Protein backbone atom coordinates (compact mmCIF):
# COMPACT_ATOMS: atom_id res chain seq x y z
CA MET A 1 31.77 -34.59 -43.89
CA PRO A 2 33.63 -35.01 -40.90
CA LEU A 3 31.43 -33.44 -37.82
CA TYR A 4 34.36 -31.79 -36.28
CA ALA A 5 37.10 -30.23 -38.54
CA PRO A 6 41.29 -30.68 -36.91
CA ASP A 7 42.00 -28.33 -35.01
CA PRO A 8 45.82 -27.94 -33.81
CA GLN A 9 44.32 -26.60 -30.65
CA VAL A 10 42.10 -29.21 -29.44
CA ASN A 11 43.53 -31.26 -26.81
CA GLU A 12 44.81 -34.80 -27.18
CA LEU A 13 43.97 -36.24 -24.07
CA SER A 14 42.13 -39.38 -25.75
CA LEU A 15 45.39 -40.11 -27.78
CA ILE A 16 47.26 -39.75 -24.08
CA CYS A 17 44.18 -42.56 -22.70
CA SER A 18 44.69 -44.88 -25.67
CA ARG A 19 48.33 -45.17 -25.87
CA GLY A 20 48.24 -48.62 -23.45
CA ILE A 21 50.53 -48.96 -20.63
CA GLY A 22 54.24 -47.87 -19.81
CA ARG A 23 54.13 -44.81 -21.19
CA GLY A 24 53.83 -42.62 -18.32
CA ASP A 25 50.58 -41.80 -19.60
CA PRO A 26 49.21 -40.86 -16.10
CA ASP A 27 51.49 -38.01 -15.65
CA SER A 28 51.41 -36.58 -19.24
CA LEU A 29 47.56 -36.67 -18.51
CA ASP A 30 47.44 -34.94 -14.87
CA GLN A 31 50.41 -32.52 -16.32
CA ALA A 32 47.39 -31.94 -19.72
CA LEU A 33 44.65 -31.87 -16.83
CA SER A 34 46.78 -29.09 -14.26
CA SER A 35 47.44 -26.77 -17.39
CA GLY A 36 43.89 -26.43 -18.15
CA VAL A 37 42.95 -28.52 -20.92
CA ASN A 38 39.19 -29.39 -20.85
CA PRO A 39 38.44 -33.05 -20.34
CA ASN A 40 35.15 -32.57 -22.08
CA ASP A 41 36.57 -30.68 -25.26
CA PRO A 42 35.73 -32.74 -28.44
CA PRO A 43 38.62 -35.25 -29.24
CA PRO A 44 40.82 -34.42 -32.92
CA GLN A 45 39.98 -36.83 -35.67
CA SER A 46 41.26 -39.17 -37.21
CA GLU A 47 43.34 -38.13 -40.23
CA ARG A 48 43.52 -41.79 -41.14
CA HIS A 49 39.82 -42.82 -41.09
CA GLY A 50 38.07 -39.15 -41.31
CA GLU A 51 36.69 -40.58 -38.08
CA GLN A 52 35.54 -38.40 -34.92
CA LEU A 53 37.89 -40.43 -31.86
CA GLN A 54 36.00 -40.61 -28.40
CA PRO A 55 36.40 -38.36 -25.71
CA PRO A 56 39.34 -39.32 -23.56
CA LEU A 57 36.71 -41.28 -20.19
CA TYR A 58 35.67 -43.79 -23.14
CA CYS A 59 38.78 -44.08 -24.18
CA ALA A 60 40.49 -44.65 -20.67
CA ALA A 61 37.46 -47.52 -19.64
CA ASP A 62 38.32 -49.18 -22.86
CA MET A 63 41.68 -49.78 -23.01
CA MET A 64 40.90 -51.00 -19.12
CA CYS A 65 38.75 -53.55 -20.85
CA HIS A 66 40.82 -54.98 -23.28
CA ASP A 67 44.00 -55.05 -21.77
CA PRO A 68 44.10 -56.20 -18.20
CA GLU A 69 47.72 -55.09 -17.71
CA TYR A 70 46.59 -51.26 -18.37
CA MET A 71 43.89 -51.61 -15.36
CA LYS A 72 46.17 -49.56 -13.29
CA GLU A 73 46.57 -47.06 -15.39
CA GLY A 74 43.29 -47.01 -16.72
CA LEU A 75 41.93 -46.22 -13.43
CA GLN A 76 44.63 -43.67 -12.45
CA MET A 77 43.18 -42.00 -15.73
CA ILE A 78 39.65 -42.53 -15.27
CA HIS A 79 39.79 -41.32 -11.59
CA SER A 80 41.86 -38.23 -12.39
CA LEU A 81 39.58 -37.12 -15.57
CA LEU A 82 36.51 -37.24 -12.90
CA SER A 83 38.49 -35.14 -10.40
CA TYR A 84 38.97 -32.54 -13.61
CA GLY A 85 34.92 -32.74 -13.94
CA SER A 86 34.82 -34.96 -17.14
CA ASP A 87 31.14 -35.27 -17.82
CA PRO A 88 30.02 -39.01 -17.87
CA TYR A 89 27.18 -38.07 -19.70
CA GLN A 90 28.84 -36.34 -22.69
CA GLU A 91 27.31 -36.79 -25.90
CA PHE A 92 29.81 -37.42 -28.73
CA PRO A 93 29.73 -38.67 -32.36
CA GLN A 94 30.40 -42.04 -33.16
CA ALA A 95 30.39 -44.06 -36.77
CA LEU A 96 27.93 -46.66 -36.91
CA TYR A 97 29.55 -50.49 -37.25
CA CYS A 98 28.62 -51.26 -41.06
CA PRO A 99 29.26 -55.02 -41.02
CA ASP A 100 30.47 -56.21 -44.70
CA ARG A 101 28.49 -58.22 -46.80
CA SER A 102 29.27 -61.66 -45.54
CA SER A 103 28.70 -60.76 -41.78
CA LYS A 104 25.61 -58.72 -42.31
CA PRO A 105 23.06 -59.91 -39.51
CA ARG A 106 20.00 -60.75 -40.54
CA ALA A 107 16.93 -58.56 -41.53
CA PRO A 108 14.33 -57.67 -38.46
CA PHE A 109 11.34 -59.45 -40.14
CA PRO A 110 10.80 -62.84 -41.64
CA SER A 111 11.38 -62.82 -45.79
CA GLU A 112 13.19 -59.35 -46.10
CA ASP A 113 16.64 -60.33 -46.45
CA PRO A 114 18.08 -59.94 -49.88
CA PRO A 115 18.30 -62.83 -52.26
CA SER A 116 21.71 -64.66 -51.85
CA THR A 117 24.42 -63.90 -54.72
CA PRO A 118 26.67 -66.62 -54.19
CA PHE A 119 29.40 -67.15 -56.93
CA PRO A 120 28.77 -68.56 -59.80
CA GLU A 121 29.16 -72.06 -60.57
CA VAL A 122 32.11 -73.47 -62.79
CA LEU A 123 31.05 -73.24 -66.33
CA ILE A 124 31.11 -76.65 -68.23
CA GLY A 125 30.19 -78.16 -71.45
CA PHE A 126 31.89 -75.28 -73.40
CA LYS A 127 34.51 -76.79 -76.60
CA SER A 128 36.74 -73.77 -76.47
CA LEU A 129 37.47 -70.46 -74.31
CA GLU A 130 35.76 -68.41 -77.46
CA GLU A 131 32.50 -70.35 -76.84
CA ARG A 132 32.48 -69.89 -73.40
CA GLU A 133 33.11 -65.97 -73.88
CA LYS A 134 30.38 -65.63 -76.27
CA TRP A 135 27.54 -67.47 -74.47
CA GLU A 136 28.52 -65.03 -71.39
CA ARG A 137 28.45 -61.94 -73.74
CA GLU A 138 25.24 -62.67 -74.79
CA ASN A 139 24.01 -63.39 -71.33
CA ASP A 140 25.23 -60.48 -69.91
CA ASP A 141 22.53 -57.60 -70.30
CA GLN A 142 21.79 -55.54 -67.40
CA HIS A 143 17.53 -55.80 -66.04
CA PRO A 144 16.07 -54.75 -62.97
CA HIS A 145 16.03 -57.60 -61.21
CA PHE A 146 19.56 -57.29 -60.52
CA SER A 147 21.62 -54.81 -59.06
CA ASP A 148 25.37 -54.12 -59.36
CA ASP A 149 25.63 -53.05 -55.61
CA GLU A 150 24.93 -56.61 -54.93
CA TRP A 151 28.12 -57.49 -55.66
CA GLU A 152 30.19 -54.56 -54.69
CA ASN A 153 32.11 -54.10 -51.61
CA GLU A 154 33.23 -51.09 -51.78
CA GLU A 155 33.81 -49.07 -48.23
CA THR A 156 30.94 -46.34 -48.27
CA ALA A 157 30.61 -43.50 -46.01
CA PRO A 158 30.13 -44.17 -42.08
CA VAL A 159 26.79 -43.47 -41.08
CA TRP A 160 26.86 -41.11 -37.86
CA GLY A 161 25.01 -41.71 -34.82
CA VAL A 162 24.99 -39.96 -31.33
CA ARG A 163 25.66 -41.36 -27.80
CA HIS A 164 26.37 -40.42 -24.57
CA MET A 165 29.39 -41.73 -22.40
CA ILE A 166 28.25 -43.30 -19.87
CA HIS A 167 25.67 -45.63 -21.66
CA ALA A 168 28.37 -46.25 -24.67
CA ILE A 169 30.85 -47.56 -21.65
CA ILE A 170 28.01 -50.17 -20.42
CA GLU A 171 26.78 -51.36 -23.59
CA ASP A 172 30.72 -51.37 -25.26
CA ASP A 173 32.41 -52.97 -22.55
CA GLY A 174 30.47 -53.10 -19.70
CA LEU A 175 33.27 -52.23 -17.19
CA LEU A 176 31.59 -49.51 -14.76
CA LYS A 177 33.50 -50.35 -11.23
CA PRO A 178 36.25 -47.97 -11.58
CA PHE A 179 33.51 -45.29 -11.70
CA ILE A 180 31.50 -46.77 -9.20
CA ASP A 181 34.68 -47.06 -6.72
CA TYR A 182 35.23 -42.98 -6.93
CA PRO A 183 34.40 -41.46 -4.27
CA GLY A 184 30.75 -39.87 -4.76
CA PHE A 185 29.97 -41.32 -8.63
CA LEU A 186 27.47 -43.78 -7.31
CA GLU A 187 25.59 -41.36 -5.01
CA SER A 188 25.44 -39.06 -7.82
CA LEU A 189 24.46 -41.01 -10.72
CA ASP A 190 21.38 -40.31 -12.35
CA LEU A 191 19.90 -43.98 -12.73
CA GLU A 192 16.87 -43.03 -14.76
CA HIS A 193 19.32 -40.75 -17.83
CA ARG A 194 18.17 -41.35 -21.20
CA ASP A 195 20.88 -41.62 -24.17
CA PRO A 196 19.78 -40.46 -27.82
CA GLN A 197 18.45 -43.38 -28.35
CA GLY A 198 16.02 -42.88 -25.12
CA ARG A 199 17.79 -45.94 -22.91
CA THR A 200 18.33 -45.81 -19.55
CA LEU A 201 21.22 -47.14 -18.12
CA LEU A 202 19.28 -50.27 -16.84
CA LEU A 203 18.50 -50.75 -20.56
CA SER A 204 22.31 -50.20 -22.06
CA ALA A 205 22.84 -52.71 -19.14
CA CYS A 206 21.23 -55.23 -20.69
CA ARG A 207 22.30 -55.00 -24.08
CA SER A 208 25.81 -54.98 -22.69
CA ALA A 209 28.48 -56.85 -25.13
CA VAL A 210 29.64 -59.09 -22.17
CA GLY A 211 26.68 -59.80 -20.97
CA ALA A 212 23.58 -58.82 -18.90
CA ASP A 213 24.83 -62.19 -16.38
CA VAL A 214 28.11 -61.69 -15.25
CA LEU A 215 29.45 -60.08 -12.45
CA ALA A 216 29.57 -56.17 -12.22
CA GLY A 217 33.52 -55.09 -13.08
CA THR A 218 34.10 -57.60 -15.96
CA GLY A 219 35.19 -56.53 -18.83
CA PHE A 220 35.01 -57.98 -22.56
CA ASN A 221 38.52 -59.17 -22.55
CA GLU A 222 37.34 -61.78 -19.90
CA VAL A 223 34.17 -62.54 -21.53
CA HIS A 224 35.45 -63.14 -24.62
CA TRP A 225 39.15 -64.02 -24.84
CA LYS A 226 40.21 -65.88 -22.16
CA VAL A 227 39.56 -69.72 -22.55
CA GLU A 228 38.22 -70.79 -18.99
CA ASN A 229 35.69 -68.45 -19.19
CA THR A 230 33.99 -70.28 -22.10
CA SER A 231 31.91 -72.36 -19.34
CA PRO A 232 28.61 -71.34 -17.58
CA THR A 233 30.83 -72.72 -14.32
CA SER A 234 33.25 -69.85 -14.36
CA LYS A 235 33.40 -67.62 -11.93
CA ILE A 236 32.70 -64.34 -13.66
CA TYR A 237 29.09 -66.18 -13.93
CA PRO A 238 26.59 -66.76 -11.04
CA SER A 239 26.03 -70.30 -10.33
CA TRP A 240 22.09 -70.70 -10.10
CA ASP A 241 19.20 -73.22 -10.64
CA ARG A 242 18.07 -73.66 -13.94
CA ASN A 243 14.83 -74.90 -13.44
CA ALA A 244 13.98 -73.03 -9.98
CA GLY A 245 15.13 -70.13 -11.38
CA PRO A 246 17.51 -67.65 -10.24
CA THR A 247 17.73 -66.39 -6.76
CA GLU A 248 19.40 -63.45 -4.22
CA SER A 249 21.77 -66.24 -2.75
CA ASP A 250 23.19 -67.23 -6.19
CA PHE A 251 26.02 -65.06 -5.60
CA SER A 252 28.80 -66.54 -3.06
CA GLU A 253 30.62 -63.38 -1.69
CA PRO A 254 28.54 -60.42 -0.41
CA GLY A 255 28.71 -57.46 -2.58
CA MET A 256 29.13 -59.42 -5.96
CA GLU A 257 26.61 -58.81 -8.46
CA SER A 258 25.55 -57.99 -12.04
CA LEU A 259 25.43 -54.99 -12.98
CA VAL A 260 21.88 -55.54 -14.11
CA GLU A 261 21.16 -56.15 -10.16
CA MET A 262 22.93 -53.46 -8.86
CA LEU A 263 20.83 -51.13 -10.81
CA LEU A 264 17.80 -52.86 -9.57
CA ARG A 265 18.84 -52.41 -6.59
CA LEU A 266 19.66 -48.54 -6.34
CA GLY A 267 16.17 -47.90 -7.67
CA ALA A 268 16.37 -47.92 -11.46
CA ASN A 269 12.96 -48.72 -13.18
CA PRO A 270 12.16 -51.90 -14.38
CA LEU A 271 9.33 -51.46 -16.23
CA ALA A 272 11.48 -48.18 -18.69
CA VAL A 273 11.23 -48.46 -22.55
CA ASP A 274 12.85 -46.75 -24.99
CA TYR A 275 12.31 -44.09 -27.74
CA GLN A 276 11.10 -46.98 -29.90
CA GLY A 277 9.39 -48.63 -27.33
CA LYS A 278 11.93 -51.43 -26.25
CA ASN A 279 11.75 -52.49 -22.67
CA ALA A 280 14.25 -54.75 -21.08
CA LEU A 281 13.48 -58.15 -22.51
CA HIS A 282 14.09 -56.65 -25.96
CA HIS A 283 17.42 -55.40 -24.98
CA LEU A 284 18.38 -58.78 -23.26
CA LEU A 285 17.70 -60.37 -26.78
CA VAL A 286 19.22 -58.24 -29.00
CA GLU A 287 20.84 -59.86 -32.15
CA VAL A 288 23.94 -58.52 -32.28
CA CYS A 289 25.52 -56.17 -29.43
CA ASN A 290 28.44 -53.72 -29.76
CA ASN A 291 32.04 -54.77 -30.22
CA ASN A 292 30.84 -56.66 -33.06
CA THR A 293 29.47 -59.78 -31.00
CA GLY A 294 27.60 -61.31 -34.09
CA ARG A 295 30.28 -61.06 -36.23
CA PHE A 296 32.48 -62.83 -34.39
CA HIS A 297 30.36 -65.66 -33.37
CA ARG A 298 29.63 -64.73 -29.65
CA LEU A 299 26.09 -64.65 -28.05
CA PRO A 300 26.47 -62.23 -24.26
CA VAL A 301 25.17 -64.58 -21.71
CA VAL A 302 22.07 -63.30 -20.45
CA ARG A 303 19.03 -65.94 -19.58
CA ARG A 304 19.39 -65.24 -15.75
CA SER A 305 19.18 -61.88 -16.02
CA LEU A 306 15.77 -62.92 -18.62
CA ARG A 307 14.00 -64.78 -16.04
CA ILE A 308 14.90 -62.24 -13.44
CA PHE A 309 12.89 -59.68 -15.20
CA ALA A 310 10.06 -61.80 -16.38
CA SER A 311 9.44 -63.69 -13.01
CA GLY A 312 9.11 -60.13 -11.50
CA TYR A 313 7.97 -58.00 -14.21
CA PRO A 314 5.61 -60.30 -15.90
CA SER A 315 3.92 -57.44 -18.28
CA LEU A 316 7.12 -56.74 -19.98
CA VAL A 317 6.67 -60.61 -21.48
CA ASN A 318 3.51 -59.27 -23.59
CA GLN A 319 4.67 -55.52 -24.21
CA PRO A 320 5.42 -54.71 -28.36
CA ASP A 321 7.65 -52.22 -29.59
CA GLN A 322 6.45 -49.74 -31.65
CA HIS A 323 7.18 -52.07 -34.59
CA GLY A 324 5.06 -54.59 -33.47
CA ALA A 325 7.99 -56.90 -32.44
CA TYR A 326 7.24 -58.28 -28.77
CA PRO A 327 10.22 -60.43 -26.70
CA LEU A 328 9.42 -63.70 -28.04
CA HIS A 329 10.13 -62.02 -32.01
CA ALA A 330 13.29 -61.14 -30.68
CA ALA A 331 14.09 -64.09 -29.08
CA LEU A 332 13.45 -65.73 -32.13
CA CYS A 333 15.48 -63.22 -34.41
CA ARG A 334 18.60 -63.86 -31.92
CA MET A 335 18.16 -67.54 -32.13
CA ARG A 336 18.13 -67.88 -35.78
CA LEU A 337 21.50 -65.66 -36.65
CA TYR A 338 22.91 -69.15 -35.80
CA PRO A 339 21.49 -72.03 -37.83
CA ASP A 340 23.55 -74.21 -35.63
CA PHE A 341 24.65 -72.87 -32.67
CA ASN A 342 26.17 -75.61 -30.54
CA TYR A 343 28.95 -75.10 -33.09
CA TYR A 344 30.24 -72.29 -31.81
CA THR A 345 31.00 -72.56 -28.25
CA ARG A 346 30.57 -68.90 -27.19
CA VAL A 347 27.15 -69.05 -28.93
CA LYS A 348 26.22 -72.20 -27.22
CA LEU A 349 26.93 -70.26 -23.99
CA GLY A 350 24.38 -67.59 -24.98
CA GLU A 351 21.81 -70.54 -24.61
CA PRO A 352 19.59 -68.95 -27.40
CA LEU A 353 17.19 -71.74 -28.07
CA CYS A 354 16.81 -71.93 -23.84
CA CYS A 355 16.06 -68.27 -24.05
CA VAL A 356 13.33 -69.31 -26.21
CA GLN A 357 11.71 -71.57 -24.46
CA ASP A 358 11.72 -69.52 -21.16
CA MET A 359 9.88 -66.91 -22.86
CA LEU A 360 7.49 -69.99 -23.33
CA ARG A 361 7.03 -70.42 -20.38
CA MET A 362 6.36 -67.20 -19.11
CA GLY A 363 2.94 -66.94 -20.56
CA VAL A 364 3.96 -65.45 -23.83
CA ASP A 365 1.35 -64.96 -26.49
CA ARG A 366 2.39 -67.60 -28.80
CA ARG A 367 0.12 -66.18 -31.99
CA ALA A 368 1.45 -62.67 -31.31
CA LYS A 369 1.67 -60.96 -34.72
CA ASP A 370 4.63 -57.92 -34.87
CA GLY A 371 3.70 -54.97 -36.90
CA LYS A 372 3.93 -56.52 -40.63
CA GLY A 373 1.59 -59.74 -39.28
CA ASN A 374 4.37 -61.95 -38.71
CA THR A 375 3.87 -64.72 -36.36
CA ALA A 376 6.45 -66.68 -34.50
CA LEU A 377 6.17 -69.37 -37.06
CA HIS A 378 6.92 -66.95 -39.96
CA TYR A 379 10.29 -66.16 -37.95
CA LEU A 380 10.70 -70.20 -37.78
CA ALA A 381 10.06 -70.85 -40.99
CA ASP A 382 12.74 -68.10 -42.10
CA ASP A 383 15.38 -69.70 -40.37
CA ASP A 384 18.49 -71.61 -42.12
CA LEU A 385 16.63 -74.75 -42.29
CA THR A 386 19.26 -76.44 -43.55
CA GLY A 387 22.29 -74.43 -42.87
CA VAL A 388 25.34 -76.71 -43.84
CA TYR A 389 27.60 -76.86 -40.54
CA PRO A 390 29.36 -79.80 -39.60
CA SER A 391 27.12 -81.57 -37.05
CA GLU A 392 27.14 -85.07 -35.75
CA ASP A 393 23.27 -84.81 -36.95
CA PHE A 394 24.01 -83.66 -40.63
CA ARG A 395 21.15 -84.21 -43.14
CA ASN A 396 21.54 -84.09 -46.47
CA TRP A 397 19.33 -81.49 -48.34
CA GLN A 398 17.23 -84.22 -50.50
CA GLU A 399 15.80 -85.46 -46.82
CA VAL A 400 15.38 -82.03 -45.27
CA ASP A 401 13.60 -80.43 -48.46
CA ARG A 402 11.06 -83.74 -48.94
CA GLU A 403 10.54 -83.61 -45.40
CA VAL A 404 9.31 -79.66 -44.92
CA PHE A 405 7.58 -79.84 -48.29
CA THR A 406 5.60 -82.81 -47.69
CA THR A 407 4.76 -81.60 -44.30
CA LEU A 408 3.76 -78.11 -45.75
CA ASP A 409 1.66 -79.82 -48.44
CA ASP A 410 -0.26 -82.28 -45.84
CA ALA A 411 -1.15 -78.84 -43.73
CA GLY A 412 -2.95 -77.83 -47.04
CA ILE A 413 -0.56 -74.98 -48.19
CA ASP A 414 -1.27 -72.92 -50.89
CA TRP A 415 1.43 -73.34 -53.14
CA LYS A 416 -0.11 -70.65 -55.96
CA ALA A 417 0.13 -67.72 -53.75
CA LYS A 418 1.64 -65.05 -55.14
CA THR A 419 4.47 -63.25 -53.31
CA SER A 420 4.74 -59.38 -52.96
CA GLU A 421 5.97 -59.11 -55.99
CA GLY A 422 3.32 -60.60 -58.40
CA GLY A 423 5.11 -63.58 -58.90
CA ASN A 424 4.82 -67.46 -57.36
CA LEU A 425 6.56 -69.36 -55.83
CA LEU A 426 8.65 -70.65 -58.70
CA HIS A 427 9.94 -66.92 -59.11
CA LEU A 428 11.55 -67.23 -56.13
CA VAL A 429 13.05 -70.18 -56.36
CA ALA A 430 14.74 -68.77 -59.63
CA ARG A 431 16.60 -66.20 -57.70
CA SER A 432 18.14 -68.49 -55.51
CA GLY A 433 21.76 -69.37 -54.59
CA LEU A 434 21.15 -72.94 -54.05
CA SER A 435 23.13 -75.97 -55.90
CA GLN A 436 20.95 -76.91 -59.36
CA GLU A 437 20.35 -80.23 -58.14
CA ARG A 438 18.11 -78.58 -55.78
CA LEU A 439 16.99 -75.77 -57.57
CA ILE A 440 15.55 -78.44 -60.29
CA TRP A 441 13.91 -81.01 -57.40
CA ARG A 442 11.78 -78.18 -55.96
CA SER A 443 10.66 -76.55 -59.78
CA ARG A 444 9.62 -79.74 -60.16
CA PHE A 445 7.64 -80.15 -57.04
CA LEU A 446 6.23 -76.71 -57.40
CA VAL A 447 5.06 -77.56 -61.15
CA ASP A 448 3.55 -81.06 -59.93
CA LYS A 449 1.25 -78.58 -57.25
CA GLY A 450 -0.18 -76.70 -60.24
CA ILE A 451 2.31 -74.11 -60.38
CA ASP A 452 2.38 -72.25 -64.27
CA PRO A 453 5.87 -72.48 -65.15
CA THR A 454 5.17 -69.67 -68.09
CA ALA A 455 3.99 -67.13 -65.23
CA LEU A 456 4.96 -63.78 -65.20
CA ASP A 457 5.89 -61.57 -62.52
CA ALA A 458 4.88 -58.07 -61.88
CA ASP A 459 7.94 -57.13 -64.54
CA GLY A 460 6.93 -59.41 -67.38
CA TRP A 461 9.96 -61.93 -65.97
CA THR A 462 9.21 -65.85 -66.40
CA ALA A 463 11.01 -67.86 -63.62
CA LYS A 464 13.59 -69.22 -66.34
CA LYS A 465 14.30 -65.41 -67.44
CA ILE A 466 14.98 -64.81 -63.95
CA ALA A 467 17.41 -67.62 -63.10
CA GLU A 468 19.46 -67.05 -66.29
CA HIS A 469 19.80 -63.04 -65.67
CA TYR A 470 21.71 -64.10 -62.25
CA ARG A 471 24.35 -65.50 -64.58
CA LEU A 472 25.50 -68.01 -61.60
CA ASN A 473 26.03 -70.78 -64.31
CA LYS A 474 23.60 -73.04 -63.44
CA LEU A 475 22.71 -74.26 -67.09
CA LEU A 476 21.64 -77.46 -66.20
CA PHE A 477 18.69 -75.59 -63.93
CA TYR A 478 17.95 -73.23 -67.06
CA GLU A 479 17.61 -76.00 -69.46
CA GLU A 480 14.90 -77.92 -66.46
CA LEU A 481 13.06 -74.35 -66.41
CA GLY A 482 13.02 -74.48 -70.45
CA LYS A 483 11.41 -78.09 -70.13
CA LEU A 484 8.95 -76.96 -67.12
CA GLU A 485 8.00 -74.34 -69.51
CA LYS A 486 7.36 -76.82 -72.35
CA GLY A 487 5.81 -79.30 -70.45
CA GLU A 488 8.40 -82.03 -71.73
CA ASP A 489 9.79 -82.85 -68.25
CA LYS A 490 8.15 -85.64 -66.00
CA VAL A 491 7.96 -84.77 -63.07
CA GLU A 492 10.31 -87.28 -60.26
CA CYS A 493 10.10 -85.27 -57.23
CA GLN A 494 7.71 -87.84 -55.40
C-alpha cells in the first residue's frame, strides 16, 4: 500500500525538476514556487510503479548528476528551491533496491548464501520423449529441501525505507557542489546531522556511489560512464603515493579536495558510528552502494580515503560494528563480490585486493571473529575459489579442487564434521549446482576420507536423495552416489 495517496492538489515540483533540458523548467519551477506551492510538500505518487517520487530537490540534483547538459538548468532549480525554503534535511520514503536473483549481492556472513539452483542439465539416454516425461513425473515430488520460491523471479511488493534528502544526494550522486555554492549553505550545514540509519554526512560521503576519493563536485555520470575516467590518473582523482600514503598536497590546485576531506576540514567527527555501530571504514568498504554499483560491475574508488582514516584515526581499524564485523571483514566481503576483479576495468580501479592488503598493514587483528564466529579465513574460504572468468591464468577445476582439498587434508581438517543441518559434507556436495564430473570427484574424495554415503541428515535424507530431489538431471552423479552407498565403486580421486 503506498505511503501517500495520489492527490491532485499535491504539487508536481518533482516532475518539473526531472523532465530534462530545454523545456523551460526553471521558469516553470519559479512560477510554481512564487504562486505559493510548498517545496517540502510530499511529491505525487508514480501511477506506473505505485511508488513515491523523490522530493524536487533530490530530483534536480539527480538530473544534474546524470545529464551534464542539465547543469545550468539544474543549478538554477536547486538555488530556486533553496531560496523558497526547501529543507535539505527533509525525510522521505523510498523503495529499497531489490536486485534480481542473478545479481543479488553475497550474504553478509560466510556460508549463508542460498544453495545455487542453475538450469538443469540436458537429459540424455532416453529412448523416447515418453520415457523422459515418465522419469520427470516420478521425480517431481515436493520435499522440504526445495522451495519453489528459488525458481520464481516475480516482482514482489517494494520494501520501503526512509531517508533524509542531503544524505541521499551524497550517497547516490555525491554532487553537493551546487549546494555548497549557494550563499550561506555551508555556514548553516549541520555536520553531525543523522539520517534515520544514524549516518552523519561524513559517513554518507564515505559510502557514496561516486567513490570517496573523487574530487568534490564530481557527478555519477563522470565517474561511471566516461571512458577517460576509468584510469587512476584521471583528473577527477588525486595523484598520490601509494607507498608513502596520501598527503595534503595531493591536489594540484587550491580548493580542490574530496568531499570526505572537505567535511573533515569543516570539523566533522571522524570517529562517528551509525546506529549499527559502523564507522567510516565500514562505510568506505561497503560491498554494493546505491545506484546499482554492484550490479553493473563497478566499485567506488576509496583507497586514498581508507588510508587517511586508518592512519589518522587508528582506533577505527579494530572497531567492530554491532554485528561483530570488523573493517577487515568488510574489506574481504567487498573483495569476494568479484572472483576475478581484474576482469572488469571499473572494479579493478576500486583496488579491492589492495584495500585488504592496506588493512593488514594497518595493524588489524587478523584473528578477530565476527558476531557469528567467523575469522578472515572463513571469508576467504567462502569466496568463489574457482569462478570461471576469462583470464590468462585460467585453471581447470581438476587442478583447483585437487590443490584445495589436498591442502585442507594436509592441514588436518575434520572431513567428518557435521553441518548446522545435522548432515555431512557429502550432503552439501549433493545440493550443489556444479558439473557432474566435479561432483563425482568430490564425492569419491569425501567417501575415501571416511564419510558414510548412507548417513542421514536431520530430515532423514541421504546425499543421493537430496541430489535427485533438485531435479538437475545429473544422472551420472545419481548413479555414482548409488554405487557409493552400496560400496561398489572404487575411489579413484587419488
